[in-house]
Every structure is written in structure tokens, then in C-alpha cells.
Amino acid sequence: MPAASKPAASQAASAPAKAKFVNTVCPIMGGRIDPAKVPDSLTRQYKGQRVAFCCAACPAAWDKLTDAQKDAKLKAVSRSK
């Protein structure tokens, strides 16, 4: 029954290829982020979510924050969406 496997394959192919980020605004600098143009080098994993940044300096700054500071930064940018 090969026909039964085809819908599953086409469903996977129709899934969005865009990376999903928890933010559309940089949590460090506050600049808008185009999710389609963010390279892996400008992302971090945090509590099971992908966080995107606007420039190369921001991930390094993020890495120096405490979890409480990161939570506050993400909360601030989520309100500005």
C-alpha cells in the first residue's frame, strides 16, 4: 500500500521550513529580527526555545547574563511584538 505513505511525505514537505524563534526583536539591542535571515551563529537555545539576535555581539552578551536576566529580557521583547 504505497499510497498510504504518500500523504505523510507530502505533509512533511508542506511543513514550514522557517526556523521558529521565541522572539522577533533582539533581547539585547532591541532591533527587529527577520527570522528568515538569522544564521545559526546568531541564535541560542534557552529553556527549550530558540532565541534570535540582531548581530554577532548580542549572543556573547546573552551568554554572560544570568537566567533571571535572560527571562527579563525575553519578557520585555515579547511585550513589544
C-alpha atoms as a PDB file:
ATOM      1  CA  MET A   1       0.000   0.000   0.000  1.00  0.00           C
ATOM      2  CA  PRO A   2       2.465   2.731  -1.068  1.00  0.00           C
ATOM      3  CA  ALA A   3      -0.379   5.262  -1.460  1.00  0.00           C
ATOM      4  CA  ALA A   4      -0.827   5.346   2.326  1.00  0.00           C
ATOM      5  CA  SER A   5       2.735   6.568   2.856  1.00  0.00           C
ATOM      6  CA  LYS A   6       2.498   9.380   0.285  1.00  0.00           C
ATOM      7  CA  PRO A   7       0.200  11.694   2.331  1.00  0.00           C
ATOM      8  CA  ALA A   8       2.628  11.588   5.262  1.00  0.00           C
ATOM      9  CA  ALA A   9       5.515  12.512   2.979  1.00  0.00           C
ATOM     10  CA  SER A  10       3.582  15.373   1.397  1.00  0.00           C
ATOM     11  CA  GLN A  11       2.558  16.633   4.847  1.00  0.00           C
ATOM     12  CA  ALA A  12       6.215  16.757   5.872  1.00  0.00           C
ATOM     13  CA  ALA A  13       7.111  18.565   2.664  1.00  0.00           C
ATOM     14  CA  SER A  14       4.413  21.187   3.263  1.00  0.00           C
ATOM     15  CA  ALA A  15       5.642  21.955   6.778  1.00  0.00           C
ATOM     16  CA  PRO A  16       7.200  25.424   7.041  1.00  0.00           C
ATOM     17  CA  ALA A  17      10.962  25.384   6.579  1.00  0.00           C
ATOM     18  CA  LYS A  18      11.437  28.646   8.514  1.00  0.00           C
ATOM     19  CA  ALA A  19      13.135  28.437  11.863  1.00  0.00           C
ATOM     20  CA  LYS A  20      10.873  29.248  14.774  1.00  0.00           C
ATOM     21  CA  PHE A  21      12.183  31.717  17.297  1.00  0.00           C
ATOM     22  CA  VAL A  22      10.700  32.827  20.574  1.00  0.00           C
ATOM     23  CA  ASN A  23      11.369  36.461  19.602  1.00  0.00           C
ATOM     24  CA  THR A  24      11.208  38.853  16.644  1.00  0.00           C
ATOM     25  CA  VAL A  25      13.081  41.610  18.497  1.00  0.00           C
ATOM     26  CA  CYS A  26      16.653  41.233  19.740  1.00  0.00           C
ATOM     27  CA  PRO A  27      16.596  40.821  23.537  1.00  0.00           C
ATOM     28  CA  ILE A  28      19.942  42.629  23.869  1.00  0.00           C
ATOM     29  CA  MET A  29      19.839  45.591  21.449  1.00  0.00           C
ATOM     30  CA  GLY A  30      16.115  45.786  20.707  1.00  0.00           C
ATOM     31  CA  GLY A  31      16.445  45.666  16.911  1.00  0.00           C
ATOM     32  CA  ARG A  32      13.878  43.909  14.721  1.00  0.00           C
ATOM     33  CA  ILE A  33      14.835  40.434  13.547  1.00  0.00           C
ATOM     34  CA  ASP A  34      13.905  38.868  10.225  1.00  0.00           C
ATOM     35  CA  PRO A  35      13.501  35.172  11.140  1.00  0.00           C
ATOM     36  CA  ALA A  36      14.172  34.125   7.540  1.00  0.00           C
ATOM     37  CA  LYS A  37      17.631  35.719   7.602  1.00  0.00           C
ATOM     38  CA  VAL A  38      19.004  34.730  11.028  1.00  0.00           C
ATOM     39  CA  PRO A  39      22.058  32.439  10.724  1.00  0.00           C
ATOM     40  CA  ASP A  40      22.691  29.746  13.346  1.00  0.00           C
ATOM     41  CA  SER A  41      25.606  31.797  14.683  1.00  0.00           C
ATOM     42  CA  LEU A  42      23.094  34.445  15.828  1.00  0.00           C
ATOM     43  CA  THR A  43      20.931  32.057  17.853  1.00  0.00           C
ATOM     44  CA  ARG A  44      20.982  30.392  21.244  1.00  0.00           C
ATOM     45  CA  GLN A  45      18.908  27.651  22.834  1.00  0.00           C
ATOM     46  CA  TYR A  46      17.281  28.725  26.090  1.00  0.00           C
ATOM     47  CA  LYS A  47      14.809  26.643  28.094  1.00  0.00           C
ATOM     48  CA  GLY A  48      13.889  24.613  25.023  1.00  0.00           C
ATOM     49  CA  GLN A  49      13.334  27.648  22.807  1.00  0.00           C
ATOM     50  CA  ARG A  50      15.443  29.267  20.087  1.00  0.00           C
ATOM     51  CA  VAL A  51      16.385  32.881  20.734  1.00  0.00           C
ATOM     52  CA  ALA A  52      17.499  35.035  17.793  1.00  0.00           C
ATOM     53  CA  PHE A  53      19.822  38.055  17.904  1.00  0.00           C
ATOM     54  CA  CYS A  54      20.431  41.013  15.581  1.00  0.00           C
ATOM     55  CA  CYS A  55      24.250  40.956  15.400  1.00  0.00           C
ATOM     56  CA  ALA A  56      27.341  38.974  16.397  1.00  0.00           C
ATOM     57  CA  ALA A  57      27.900  40.902  19.637  1.00  0.00           C
ATOM     58  CA  CYS A  58      24.499  40.009  21.084  1.00  0.00           C
ATOM     59  CA  PRO A  59      24.847  36.219  21.565  1.00  0.00           C
ATOM     60  CA  ALA A  60      28.090  36.812  23.507  1.00  0.00           C
ATOM     61  CA  ALA A  61      26.351  39.400  25.697  1.00  0.00           C
ATOM     62  CA  TRP A  62      23.440  36.972  26.214  1.00  0.00           C
ATOM     63  CA  ASP A  63      25.833  34.230  27.327  1.00  0.00           C
ATOM     64  CA  LYS A  64      27.047  36.461  30.173  1.00  0.00           C
ATOM     65  CA  LEU A  65      23.550  37.040  31.612  1.00  0.00           C
ATOM     66  CA  THR A  66      22.049  35.093  34.493  1.00  0.00           C
ATOM     67  CA  ASP A  67      18.893  33.069  33.863  1.00  0.00           C
ATOM     68  CA  ALA A  68      16.862  35.716  35.703  1.00  0.00           C
ATOM     69  CA  GLN A  69      18.273  38.423  33.422  1.00  0.00           C
ATOM     70  CA  LYS A  70      17.571  36.318  30.336  1.00  0.00           C
ATOM     71  CA  ASP A  71      13.985  35.756  31.483  1.00  0.00           C
ATOM     72  CA  ALA A  72      13.513  39.517  31.988  1.00  0.00           C
ATOM     73  CA  LYS A  73      14.994  40.330  28.560  1.00  0.00           C
ATOM     74  CA  LEU A  74      12.755  37.818  26.797  1.00  0.00           C
ATOM     75  CA  LYS A  75       9.692  39.036  28.679  1.00  0.00           C
ATOM     76  CA  ALA A  76      10.466  42.624  27.646  1.00  0.00           C
ATOM     77  CA  VAL A  77      10.754  41.806  23.942  1.00  0.00           C
ATOM     78  CA  SER A  78       7.702  39.563  23.920  1.00  0.00           C
ATOM     79  CA  ARG A  79       5.586  42.546  25.007  1.00  0.00           C
ATOM     80  CA  SER A  80       6.965  44.652  22.164  1.00  0.00           C
ATOM     81  CA  LYS A  81       5.906  42.188  19.424  1.00  0.00           C
END
